[in-house]
ModelCIF file with pLDDT and N, C-alpha, C, O atoms, coordinates in Angstrom:
data_MODEL
#
_entry.id   MODEL 
#
_entity.id                         1 
_entity.type                       polymer 
_entity.pdbx_number_of_molecules   1 
#
_entity_poly.entity_id                      1 
_entity_poly.type                           'polypeptide(L)' 
_entity_poly.nstd_linkage                   no 
_entity_poly.nstd_monomer                   no 
_entity_poly.pdbx_seq_one_letter_code       LSITESFSDGVMNFSVSGELSSGVSYDFEDELTAAASVCKKIDLDLKG 
_entity_poly.pdbx_seq_one_letter_code_can   LSITESFSDGVMNFSVSGELSSGVSYDFEDELTAAASVCKKIDLDLKG 
_entity_poly.pdbx_strand_id                 A 
#
loop_
_entity_poly_seq.entity_id 
_entity_poly_seq.num 
_entity_poly_seq.mon_id 
_entity_poly_seq.hetero 
1 1  LEU n 
1 2  SER n 
1 3  ILE n 
1 4  THR n 
1 5  GLU n 
1 6  SER n 
1 7  PHE n 
1 8  SER n 
1 9  ASP n 
1 10 GLY n 
1 11 VAL n 
1 12 MET n 
1 13 ASN n 
1 14 PHE n 
1 15 SER n 
1 16 VAL n 
1 17 SER n 
1 18 GLY n 
1 19 GLU n 
1 20 LEU n 
1 21 SER n 
1 22 SER n 
1 23 GLY n 
1 24 VAL n 
1 25 SER n 
1 26 TYR n 
1 27 ASP n 
1 28 PHE n 
1 29 GLU n 
1 30 ASP n 
1 31 GLU n 
1 32 LEU n 
1 33 THR n 
1 34 ALA n 
1 35 ALA n 
1 36 ALA n 
1 37 SER n 
1 38 VAL n 
1 39 CYS n 
1 40 LYS n 
1 41 LYS n 
1 42 ILE n 
1 43 ASP n 
1 44 LEU n 
1 45 ASP n 
1 46 LEU n 
1 47 LYS n 
1 48 GLY n 
#
_struct_asym.id          A 
_struct_asym.entity_id   1 
#
loop_
_ma_qa_metric.id 
_ma_qa_metric.mode 
_ma_qa_metric.name 
_ma_qa_metric.software_group_id 
_ma_qa_metric.type 
1 global pLDDT . pLDDT 
2 local  pLDDT . pLDDT 
#
_ma_qa_metric_global.metric_id      1 
_ma_qa_metric_global.metric_value   92.79 
_ma_qa_metric_global.model_id       1 
_ma_qa_metric_global.ordinal_id     1 
#
loop_
_ma_qa_metric_local.label_asym_id 
_ma_qa_metric_local.label_comp_id 
_ma_qa_metric_local.label_seq_id 
_ma_qa_metric_local.metric_id 
_ma_qa_metric_local.metric_value 
_ma_qa_metric_local.model_id 
_ma_qa_metric_local.ordinal_id 
A LEU 1  2 94.00 1 1  
A SER 2  2 95.00 1 2  
A ILE 3  2 95.00 1 3  
A THR 4  2 95.00 1 4  
A GLU 5  2 94.00 1 5  
A SER 6  2 93.00 1 6  
A PHE 7  2 92.00 1 7  
A SER 8  2 91.00 1 8  
A ASP 9  2 91.00 1 9  
A GLY 10 2 90.00 1 10 
A VAL 11 2 93.00 1 11 
A MET 12 2 95.00 1 12 
A ASN 13 2 95.00 1 13 
A PHE 14 2 95.00 1 14 
A SER 15 2 95.00 1 15 
A VAL 16 2 95.00 1 16 
A SER 17 2 95.00 1 17 
A GLY 18 2 95.00 1 18 
A GLU 19 2 92.00 1 19 
A LEU 20 2 93.00 1 20 
A SER 21 2 92.00 1 21 
A SER 22 2 92.00 1 22 
A GLY 23 2 91.00 1 23 
A VAL 24 2 93.00 1 24 
A SER 25 2 92.00 1 25 
A TYR 26 2 91.00 1 26 
A ASP 27 2 91.00 1 27 
A PHE 28 2 92.00 1 28 
A GLU 29 2 93.00 1 29 
A ASP 30 2 92.00 1 30 
A GLU 31 2 91.00 1 31 
A LEU 32 2 93.00 1 32 
A THR 33 2 93.00 1 33 
A ALA 34 2 91.00 1 34 
A ALA 35 2 91.00 1 35 
A ALA 36 2 91.00 1 36 
A SER 37 2 90.00 1 37 
A VAL 38 2 89.00 1 38 
A CYS 39 2 91.00 1 39 
A LYS 40 2 92.00 1 40 
A LYS 41 2 95.00 1 41 
A ILE 42 2 95.00 1 42 
A ASP 43 2 95.00 1 43 
A LEU 44 2 94.00 1 44 
A ASP 45 2 94.00 1 45 
A LEU 46 2 93.00 1 46 
A LYS 47 2 91.00 1 47 
A GLY 48 2 93.00 1 48 
#
loop_
_atom_site.group_PDB 
_atom_site.id 
_atom_site.type_symbol 
_atom_site.label_atom_id 
_atom_site.label_alt_id 
_atom_site.label_comp_id 
_atom_site.label_asym_id 
_atom_site.label_entity_id 
_atom_site.label_seq_id 
_atom_site.pdbx_PDB_ins_code 
_atom_site.Cartn_x 
_atom_site.Cartn_y 
_atom_site.Cartn_z 
_atom_site.occupancy 
_atom_site.B_iso_or_equiv 
_atom_site.pdbx_formal_charge 
_atom_site.auth_seq_id 
_atom_site.auth_comp_id 
_atom_site.auth_asym_id 
_atom_site.auth_atom_id 
_atom_site.pdbx_PDB_model_num 
ATOM 1   N N  . LEU A 1 1  ? 4.182   3.871  99.226  1.00 94.00 ? 1  LEU A N  1 
ATOM 2   C CA . LEU A 1 1  ? 3.303   4.553  98.289  1.00 94.00 ? 1  LEU A CA 1 
ATOM 3   C C  . LEU A 1 1  ? 3.060   3.685  97.087  1.00 94.00 ? 1  LEU A C  1 
ATOM 4   O O  . LEU A 1 1  ? 3.951   2.978  96.615  1.00 94.00 ? 1  LEU A O  1 
ATOM 5   N N  . SER A 1 2  ? 1.857   3.746  96.604  1.00 95.00 ? 2  SER A N  1 
ATOM 6   C CA . SER A 1 2  ? 1.451   3.058  95.382  1.00 95.00 ? 2  SER A CA 1 
ATOM 7   C C  . SER A 1 2  ? 0.770   4.058  94.454  1.00 95.00 ? 2  SER A C  1 
ATOM 8   O O  . SER A 1 2  ? -0.164  4.758  94.846  1.00 95.00 ? 2  SER A O  1 
ATOM 9   N N  . ILE A 1 3  ? 1.243   4.111  93.251  1.00 95.00 ? 3  ILE A N  1 
ATOM 10  C CA . ILE A 1 3  ? 0.641   4.962  92.212  1.00 95.00 ? 3  ILE A CA 1 
ATOM 11  C C  . ILE A 1 3  ? 0.248   4.123  91.030  1.00 95.00 ? 3  ILE A C  1 
ATOM 12  O O  . ILE A 1 3  ? 1.107   3.618  90.307  1.00 95.00 ? 3  ILE A O  1 
ATOM 13  N N  . THR A 1 4  ? -1.048  3.964  90.821  1.00 95.00 ? 4  THR A N  1 
ATOM 14  C CA . THR A 1 4  ? -1.584  3.176  89.723  1.00 95.00 ? 4  THR A CA 1 
ATOM 15  C C  . THR A 1 4  ? -2.129  4.133  88.698  1.00 95.00 ? 4  THR A C  1 
ATOM 16  O O  . THR A 1 4  ? -2.813  5.102  89.028  1.00 95.00 ? 4  THR A O  1 
ATOM 17  N N  . GLU A 1 5  ? -1.818  3.851  87.438  1.00 94.00 ? 5  GLU A N  1 
ATOM 18  C CA . GLU A 1 5  ? -2.279  4.757  86.404  1.00 94.00 ? 5  GLU A CA 1 
ATOM 19  C C  . GLU A 1 5  ? -2.990  3.951  85.284  1.00 94.00 ? 5  GLU A C  1 
ATOM 20  O O  . GLU A 1 5  ? -2.686  2.789  85.015  1.00 94.00 ? 5  GLU A O  1 
ATOM 21  N N  . SER A 1 6  ? -3.932  4.636  84.673  1.00 93.00 ? 6  SER A N  1 
ATOM 22  C CA . SER A 1 6  ? -4.661  4.021  83.534  1.00 93.00 ? 6  SER A CA 1 
ATOM 23  C C  . SER A 1 6  ? -5.126  5.206  82.660  1.00 93.00 ? 6  SER A C  1 
ATOM 24  O O  . SER A 1 6  ? -5.338  6.320  83.140  1.00 93.00 ? 6  SER A O  1 
ATOM 25  N N  . PHE A 1 7  ? -5.270  4.917  81.379  1.00 92.00 ? 7  PHE A N  1 
ATOM 26  C CA . PHE A 1 7  ? -5.726  5.921  80.403  1.00 92.00 ? 7  PHE A CA 1 
ATOM 27  C C  . PHE A 1 7  ? -7.038  5.490  79.844  1.00 92.00 ? 7  PHE A C  1 
ATOM 28  O O  . PHE A 1 7  ? -7.175  4.360  79.374  1.00 92.00 ? 7  PHE A O  1 
ATOM 29  N N  . SER A 1 8  ? -8.021  6.375  79.884  1.00 91.00 ? 8  SER A N  1 
ATOM 30  C CA . SER A 1 8  ? -9.332  6.070  79.358  1.00 91.00 ? 8  SER A CA 1 
ATOM 31  C C  . SER A 1 8  ? -10.020 7.354  78.872  1.00 91.00 ? 8  SER A C  1 
ATOM 32  O O  . SER A 1 8  ? -10.038 8.376  79.558  1.00 91.00 ? 8  SER A O  1 
ATOM 33  N N  . ASP A 1 9  ? -10.585 7.257  77.660  1.00 91.00 ? 9  ASP A N  1 
ATOM 34  C CA . ASP A 1 9  ? -11.329 8.396  77.101  1.00 91.00 ? 9  ASP A CA 1 
ATOM 35  C C  . ASP A 1 9  ? -10.568 9.704  77.150  1.00 91.00 ? 9  ASP A C  1 
ATOM 36  O O  . ASP A 1 9  ? -11.171 10.740 77.430  1.00 91.00 ? 9  ASP A O  1 
ATOM 37  N N  . GLY A 1 10 ? -9.296  9.703  76.896  1.00 90.00 ? 10 GLY A N  1 
ATOM 38  C CA . GLY A 1 10 ? -8.520  10.906 76.856  1.00 90.00 ? 10 GLY A CA 1 
ATOM 39  C C  . GLY A 1 10 ? -8.088  11.422 78.210  1.00 90.00 ? 10 GLY A C  1 
ATOM 40  O O  . GLY A 1 10 ? -7.530  12.515 78.298  1.00 90.00 ? 10 GLY A O  1 
ATOM 41  N N  . VAL A 1 11 ? -8.329  10.668 79.270  1.00 93.00 ? 11 VAL A N  1 
ATOM 42  C CA . VAL A 1 11 ? -8.024  11.109 80.598  1.00 93.00 ? 11 VAL A CA 1 
ATOM 43  C C  . VAL A 1 11 ? -6.992  10.114 81.242  1.00 93.00 ? 11 VAL A C  1 
ATOM 44  O O  . VAL A 1 11 ? -7.179  8.897  81.218  1.00 93.00 ? 11 VAL A O  1 
ATOM 45  N N  . MET A 1 12 ? -5.917  10.688 81.807  1.00 95.00 ? 12 MET A N  1 
ATOM 46  C CA . MET A 1 12 ? -4.973  9.837  82.533  1.00 95.00 ? 12 MET A CA 1 
ATOM 47  C C  . MET A 1 12 ? -5.470  9.817  83.959  1.00 95.00 ? 12 MET A C  1 
ATOM 48  O O  . MET A 1 12 ? -5.601  10.872 84.579  1.00 95.00 ? 12 MET A O  1 
ATOM 49  N N  . ASN A 1 13 ? -5.757  8.612  84.509  1.00 95.00 ? 13 ASN A N  1 
ATOM 50  C CA . ASN A 1 13 ? -6.269  8.409  85.824  1.00 95.00 ? 13 ASN A CA 1 
ATOM 51  C C  . ASN A 1 13 ? -5.179  7.879  86.735  1.00 95.00 ? 13 ASN A C  1 
ATOM 52  O O  . ASN A 1 13 ? -4.528  6.877  86.440  1.00 95.00 ? 13 ASN A O  1 
ATOM 53  N N  . PHE A 1 14 ? -4.992  8.585  87.868  1.00 95.00 ? 14 PHE A N  1 
ATOM 54  C CA . PHE A 1 14 ? -4.025  8.118  88.861  1.00 95.00 ? 14 PHE A CA 1 
ATOM 55  C C  . PHE A 1 14 ? -4.783  7.741  90.116  1.00 95.00 ? 14 PHE A C  1 
ATOM 56  O O  . PHE A 1 14 ? -5.678  8.464  90.553  1.00 95.00 ? 14 PHE A O  1 
ATOM 57  N N  . SER A 1 15 ? -4.430  6.631  90.682  1.00 95.00 ? 15 SER A N  1 
ATOM 58  C CA . SER A 1 15 ? -4.930  6.251  92.017  1.00 95.00 ? 15 SER A CA 1 
ATOM 59  C C  . SER A 1 15 ? -3.723  6.142  92.903  1.00 95.00 ? 15 SER A C  1 
ATOM 60  O O  . SER A 1 15 ? -2.784  5.400  92.612  1.00 95.00 ? 15 SER A O  1 
ATOM 61  N N  . VAL A 1 16 ? -3.751  6.892  93.996  1.00 95.00 ? 16 VAL A N  1 
ATOM 62  C CA . VAL A 1 16 ? -2.573  7.007  94.866  1.00 95.00 ? 16 VAL A CA 1 
ATOM 63  C C  . VAL A 1 16 ? -3.033  6.496  96.237  1.00 95.00 ? 16 VAL A C  1 
ATOM 64  O O  . VAL A 1 16 ? -4.099  6.864  96.732  1.00 95.00 ? 16 VAL A O  1 
ATOM 65  N N  . SER A 1 17 ? -2.194  5.633  96.835  1.00 95.00 ? 17 SER A N  1 
ATOM 66  C CA . SER A 1 17 ? -2.444  5.204  98.204  1.00 95.00 ? 17 SER A CA 1 
ATOM 67  C C  . SER A 1 17 ? -1.145  5.138  98.986  1.00 95.00 ? 17 SER A C  1 
ATOM 68  O O  . SER A 1 17 ? -0.080  4.867  98.433  1.00 95.00 ? 17 SER A O  1 
ATOM 69  N N  . GLY A 1 18 ? -1.255  5.395  100.296 1.00 95.00 ? 18 GLY A N  1 
ATOM 70  C CA . GLY A 1 18 ? -0.101  5.374  101.130 1.00 95.00 ? 18 GLY A CA 1 
ATOM 71  C C  . GLY A 1 18 ? 0.220   6.806  101.652 1.00 95.00 ? 18 GLY A C  1 
ATOM 72  O O  . GLY A 1 18 ? -0.666  7.654  101.758 1.00 95.00 ? 18 GLY A O  1 
ATOM 73  N N  . GLU A 1 19 ? 1.464   7.031  101.960 1.00 92.00 ? 19 GLU A N  1 
ATOM 74  C CA . GLU A 1 19 ? 1.867   8.327  102.436 1.00 92.00 ? 19 GLU A CA 1 
ATOM 75  C C  . GLU A 1 19 ? 2.692   9.075  101.420 1.00 92.00 ? 19 GLU A C  1 
ATOM 76  O O  . GLU A 1 19 ? 3.676   8.557  100.892 1.00 92.00 ? 19 GLU A O  1 
ATOM 77  N N  . LEU A 1 20 ? 2.285   10.290 101.155 1.00 93.00 ? 20 LEU A N  1 
ATOM 78  C CA . LEU A 1 20 ? 3.050   11.187 100.263 1.00 93.00 ? 20 LEU A CA 1 
ATOM 79  C C  . LEU A 1 20 ? 4.087   11.963 101.127 1.00 93.00 ? 20 LEU A C  1 
ATOM 80  O O  . LEU A 1 20 ? 4.004   13.177 101.312 1.00 93.00 ? 20 LEU A O  1 
ATOM 81  N N  . SER A 1 21 ? 5.008   11.225 101.610 1.00 92.00 ? 21 SER A N  1 
ATOM 82  C CA . SER A 1 21 ? 6.073   11.785 102.447 1.00 92.00 ? 21 SER A CA 1 
ATOM 83  C C  . SER A 1 21 ? 7.145   12.516 101.605 1.00 92.00 ? 21 SER A C  1 
ATOM 84  O O  . SER A 1 21 ? 7.131   12.383 100.381 1.00 92.00 ? 21 SER A O  1 
ATOM 85  N N  . SER A 1 22 ? 8.008   13.227 102.174 1.00 92.00 ? 22 SER A N  1 
ATOM 86  C CA . SER A 1 22 ? 9.076   13.952 101.496 1.00 92.00 ? 22 SER A CA 1 
ATOM 87  C C  . SER A 1 22 ? 9.878   13.008 100.640 1.00 92.00 ? 22 SER A C  1 
ATOM 88  O O  . SER A 1 22 ? 10.251  13.342 99.515  1.00 92.00 ? 22 SER A O  1 
ATOM 89  N N  . GLY A 1 23 ? 10.149  11.817 101.171 1.00 91.00 ? 23 GLY A N  1 
ATOM 90  C CA . GLY A 1 23 ? 11.022  10.847 100.477 1.00 91.00 ? 23 GLY A CA 1 
ATOM 91  C C  . GLY A 1 23 ? 10.404  10.304 99.140  1.00 91.00 ? 23 GLY A C  1 
ATOM 92  O O  . GLY A 1 23 ? 11.152  9.889  98.256  1.00 91.00 ? 23 GLY A O  1 
ATOM 93  N N  . VAL A 1 24 ? 9.104   10.306 98.998  1.00 93.00 ? 24 VAL A N  1 
ATOM 94  C CA . VAL A 1 24 ? 8.476   9.787  97.793  1.00 93.00 ? 24 VAL A CA 1 
ATOM 95  C C  . VAL A 1 24 ? 7.862   10.888 96.912  1.00 93.00 ? 24 VAL A C  1 
ATOM 96  O O  . VAL A 1 24 ? 7.351   10.626 95.823  1.00 93.00 ? 24 VAL A O  1 
ATOM 97  N N  . SER A 1 25 ? 7.931   12.109 97.415  1.00 92.00 ? 25 SER A N  1 
ATOM 98  C CA . SER A 1 25 ? 7.269   13.226 96.693  1.00 92.00 ? 25 SER A CA 1 
ATOM 99  C C  . SER A 1 25 ? 7.837   13.453 95.335  1.00 92.00 ? 25 SER A C  1 
ATOM 100 O O  . SER A 1 25 ? 7.093   13.798 94.417  1.00 92.00 ? 25 SER A O  1 
ATOM 101 N N  . TYR A 1 26 ? 9.134   13.276 95.155  1.00 91.00 ? 26 TYR A N  1 
ATOM 102 C CA . TYR A 1 26 ? 9.752   13.536 93.837  1.00 91.00 ? 26 TYR A CA 1 
ATOM 103 C C  . TYR A 1 26 ? 9.297   12.452 92.823  1.00 91.00 ? 26 TYR A C  1 
ATOM 104 O O  . TYR A 1 26 ? 9.094   12.760 91.649  1.00 91.00 ? 26 TYR A O  1 
ATOM 105 N N  . ASP A 1 27 ? 9.140   11.217 93.262  1.00 91.00 ? 27 ASP A N  1 
ATOM 106 C CA . ASP A 1 27 ? 8.588   10.187 92.400  1.00 91.00 ? 27 ASP A CA 1 
ATOM 107 C C  . ASP A 1 27 ? 7.159   10.525 92.015  1.00 91.00 ? 27 ASP A C  1 
ATOM 108 O O  . ASP A 1 27 ? 6.781   10.377 90.853  1.00 91.00 ? 27 ASP A O  1 
ATOM 109 N N  . PHE A 1 28 ? 6.386   10.961 92.942  1.00 92.00 ? 28 PHE A N  1 
ATOM 110 C CA . PHE A 1 28 ? 5.015   11.385 92.694  1.00 92.00 ? 28 PHE A CA 1 
ATOM 111 C C  . PHE A 1 28 ? 4.952   12.500 91.663  1.00 92.00 ? 28 PHE A C  1 
ATOM 112 O O  . PHE A 1 28 ? 4.171   12.449 90.712  1.00 92.00 ? 28 PHE A O  1 
ATOM 113 N N  . GLU A 1 29 ? 5.806   13.528 91.875  1.00 93.00 ? 29 GLU A N  1 
ATOM 114 C CA . GLU A 1 29 ? 5.826   14.666 90.978  1.00 93.00 ? 29 GLU A CA 1 
ATOM 115 C C  . GLU A 1 29 ? 6.280   14.188 89.549  1.00 93.00 ? 29 GLU A C  1 
ATOM 116 O O  . GLU A 1 29 ? 5.716   14.596 88.534  1.00 93.00 ? 29 GLU A O  1 
ATOM 117 N N  . ASP A 1 30 ? 7.273   13.348 89.526  1.00 92.00 ? 30 ASP A N  1 
ATOM 118 C CA . ASP A 1 30 ? 7.751   12.829 88.209  1.00 92.00 ? 30 ASP A CA 1 
ATOM 119 C C  . ASP A 1 30 ? 6.621   12.113 87.412  1.00 92.00 ? 30 ASP A C  1 
ATOM 120 O O  . ASP A 1 30 ? 6.473   12.314 86.207  1.00 92.00 ? 30 ASP A O  1 
ATOM 121 N N  . GLU A 1 31 ? 5.857   11.302 88.104  1.00 91.00 ? 31 GLU A N  1 
ATOM 122 C CA . GLU A 1 31 ? 4.781   10.540 87.437  1.00 91.00 ? 31 GLU A CA 1 
ATOM 123 C C  . GLU A 1 31 ? 3.719   11.577 86.903  1.00 91.00 ? 31 GLU A C  1 
ATOM 124 O O  . GLU A 1 31 ? 3.281   11.487 85.756  1.00 91.00 ? 31 GLU A O  1 
ATOM 125 N N  . LEU A 1 32 ? 3.345   12.507 87.728  1.00 93.00 ? 32 LEU A N  1 
ATOM 126 C CA . LEU A 1 32 ? 2.305   13.488 87.257  1.00 93.00 ? 32 LEU A CA 1 
ATOM 127 C C  . LEU A 1 32 ? 2.851   14.399 86.190  1.00 93.00 ? 32 LEU A C  1 
ATOM 128 O O  . LEU A 1 32 ? 2.145   14.742 85.241  1.00 93.00 ? 32 LEU A O  1 
ATOM 129 N N  . THR A 1 33 ? 4.114   14.800 86.333  1.00 93.00 ? 33 THR A N  1 
ATOM 130 C CA . THR A 1 33 ? 4.712   15.687 85.317  1.00 93.00 ? 33 THR A CA 1 
ATOM 131 C C  . THR A 1 33 ? 4.809   14.953 83.932  1.00 93.00 ? 33 THR A C  1 
ATOM 132 O O  . THR A 1 33 ? 4.523   15.546 82.892  1.00 93.00 ? 33 THR A O  1 
ATOM 133 N N  . ALA A 1 34 ? 5.205   13.694 83.948  1.00 91.00 ? 34 ALA A N  1 
ATOM 134 C CA . ALA A 1 34 ? 5.274   12.925 82.731  1.00 91.00 ? 34 ALA A CA 1 
ATOM 135 C C  . ALA A 1 34 ? 3.882   12.802 82.066  1.00 91.00 ? 34 ALA A C  1 
ATOM 136 O O  . ALA A 1 34 ? 3.753   12.887 80.845  1.00 91.00 ? 34 ALA A O  1 
ATOM 137 N N  . ALA A 1 35 ? 2.865   12.603 82.895  1.00 91.00 ? 35 ALA A N  1 
ATOM 138 C CA . ALA A 1 35 ? 1.497   12.508 82.379  1.00 91.00 ? 35 ALA A CA 1 
ATOM 139 C C  . ALA A 1 35 ? 1.070   13.837 81.799  1.00 91.00 ? 35 ALA A C  1 
ATOM 140 O O  . ALA A 1 35 ? 0.461   13.888 80.731  1.00 91.00 ? 35 ALA A O  1 
ATOM 141 N N  . ALA A 1 36 ? 1.393   14.937 82.516  1.00 91.00 ? 36 ALA A N  1 
ATOM 142 C CA . ALA A 1 36 ? 0.963   16.262 82.029  1.00 91.00 ? 36 ALA A CA 1 
ATOM 143 C C  . ALA A 1 36 ? 1.674   16.648 80.703  1.00 91.00 ? 36 ALA A C  1 
ATOM 144 O O  . ALA A 1 36 ? 1.164   17.452 79.924  1.00 91.00 ? 36 ALA A O  1 
ATOM 145 N N  . SER A 1 37 ? 2.813   16.076 80.485  1.00 90.00 ? 37 SER A N  1 
ATOM 146 C CA . SER A 1 37 ? 3.508   16.422 79.252  1.00 90.00 ? 37 SER A CA 1 
ATOM 147 C C  . SER A 1 37 ? 2.953   15.723 78.035  1.00 90.00 ? 37 SER A C  1 
ATOM 148 O O  . SER A 1 37 ? 3.247   16.130 76.911  1.00 90.00 ? 37 SER A O  1 
ATOM 149 N N  . VAL A 1 38 ? 2.139   14.657 78.224  1.00 89.00 ? 38 VAL A N  1 
ATOM 150 C CA . VAL A 1 38 ? 1.582   13.933 77.077  1.00 89.00 ? 38 VAL A CA 1 
ATOM 151 C C  . VAL A 1 38 ? 0.068   13.917 77.087  1.00 89.00 ? 38 VAL A C  1 
ATOM 152 O O  . VAL A 1 38 ? -0.541  13.505 76.100  1.00 89.00 ? 38 VAL A O  1 
ATOM 153 N N  . CYS A 1 39 ? -0.557  14.346 78.159  1.00 91.00 ? 39 CYS A N  1 
ATOM 154 C CA . CYS A 1 39 ? -2.015  14.188 78.268  1.00 91.00 ? 39 CYS A CA 1 
ATOM 155 C C  . CYS A 1 39 ? -2.609  15.555 78.823  1.00 91.00 ? 39 CYS A C  1 
ATOM 156 O O  . CYS A 1 39 ? -2.020  16.172 79.711  1.00 91.00 ? 39 CYS A O  1 
ATOM 157 N N  . LYS A 1 40 ? -3.717  15.972 78.304  1.00 92.00 ? 40 LYS A N  1 
ATOM 158 C CA . LYS A 1 40 ? -4.259  17.239 78.717  1.00 92.00 ? 40 LYS A CA 1 
ATOM 159 C C  . LYS A 1 40 ? -5.195  17.119 79.943  1.00 92.00 ? 40 LYS A C  1 
ATOM 160 O O  . LYS A 1 40 ? -5.486  18.103 80.623  1.00 92.00 ? 40 LYS A O  1 
ATOM 161 N N  . LYS A 1 41 ? -5.642  15.910 80.190  1.00 95.00 ? 41 LYS A N  1 
ATOM 162 C CA . LYS A 1 41 ? -6.617  15.761 81.346  1.00 95.00 ? 41 LYS A CA 1 
ATOM 163 C C  . LYS A 1 41 ? -6.077  14.654 82.300  1.00 95.00 ? 41 LYS A C  1 
ATOM 164 O O  . LYS A 1 41 ? -5.808  13.520 81.905  1.00 95.00 ? 41 LYS A O  1 
ATOM 165 N N  . ILE A 1 42 ? -5.941  15.070 83.569  1.00 95.00 ? 42 ILE A N  1 
ATOM 166 C CA . ILE A 1 42 ? -5.451  14.165 84.585  1.00 95.00 ? 42 ILE A CA 1 
ATOM 167 C C  . ILE A 1 42 ? -6.475  14.159 85.740  1.00 95.00 ? 42 ILE A C  1 
ATOM 168 O O  . ILE A 1 42 ? -6.834  15.202 86.287  1.00 95.00 ? 42 ILE A O  1 
ATOM 169 N N  . ASP A 1 43 ? -6.918  12.963 86.080  1.00 95.00 ? 43 ASP A N  1 
ATOM 170 C CA . ASP A 1 43 ? -7.737  12.783 87.292  1.00 95.00 ? 43 ASP A CA 1 
ATOM 171 C C  . ASP A 1 43 ? -6.912  12.092 88.354  1.00 95.00 ? 43 ASP A C  1 
ATOM 172 O O  . ASP A 1 43 ? -6.214  11.114 88.089  1.00 95.00 ? 43 ASP A O  1 
ATOM 173 N N  . LEU A 1 44 ? -7.007  12.619 89.558  1.00 94.00 ? 44 LEU A N  1 
ATOM 174 C CA . LEU A 1 44 ? -6.160  12.127 90.665  1.00 94.00 ? 44 LEU A CA 1 
ATOM 175 C C  . LEU A 1 44 ? -7.049  11.693 91.777  1.00 94.00 ? 44 LEU A C  1 
ATOM 176 O O  . LEU A 1 44 ? -7.786  12.496 92.350  1.00 94.00 ? 44 LEU A O  1 
ATOM 177 N N  . ASP A 1 45 ? -6.987  10.387 92.100  1.00 94.00 ? 45 ASP A N  1 
ATOM 178 C CA . ASP A 1 45 ? -7.764  9.773  93.184  1.00 94.00 ? 45 ASP A CA 1 
ATOM 179 C C  . ASP A 1 45 ? -6.834  9.665  94.387  1.00 94.00 ? 45 ASP A C  1 
ATOM 180 O O  . ASP A 1 45 ? -5.896  8.869  94.387  1.00 94.00 ? 45 ASP A O  1 
ATOM 181 N N  . LEU A 1 46 ? -7.103  10.476 95.415  1.00 93.00 ? 46 LEU A N  1 
ATOM 182 C CA . LEU A 1 46 ? -6.303  10.518 96.599  1.00 93.00 ? 46 LEU A CA 1 
ATOM 183 C C  . LEU A 1 46 ? -6.968  9.930  97.845  1.00 93.00 ? 46 LEU A C  1 
ATOM 184 O O  . LEU A 1 46 ? -6.518  10.162 98.967  1.00 93.00 ? 46 LEU A O  1 
ATOM 185 N N  . LYS A 1 47 ? -8.020  9.184  97.640  1.00 91.00 ? 47 LYS A N  1 
ATOM 186 C CA . LYS A 1 47 ? -8.797  8.693  98.801  1.00 91.00 ? 47 LYS A CA 1 
ATOM 187 C C  . LYS A 1 47 ? -7.983  7.722  99.665  1.00 91.00 ? 47 LYS A C  1 
ATOM 188 O O  . LYS A 1 47 ? -8.257  7.579  100.857 1.00 91.00 ? 47 LYS A O  1 
ATOM 189 N N  . GLY A 1 48 ? -6.986  7.054  99.074  1.00 93.00 ? 48 GLY A N  1 
ATOM 190 C CA . GLY A 1 48 ? -6.114  6.176  99.813  1.00 93.00 ? 48 GLY A CA 1 
ATOM 191 C C  . GLY A 1 48 ? -4.872  6.794  100.423 1.00 93.00 ? 48 GLY A C  1 
ATOM 192 O O  . GLY A 1 48 ? -4.088  6.097  101.066 1.00 93.00 ? 48 GLY A O  1 
#
């Protein structure tokens, strides 16, 4: 799994690629939760 993040114009952008399997789900959740605690707008790109 790869999670790339960038911040632009008040939006935290995440680009995710690979498999969101059980083994990596907690890392995925941690990244999004951390962003949600400091940023009001999150865009999630799941095409990969």
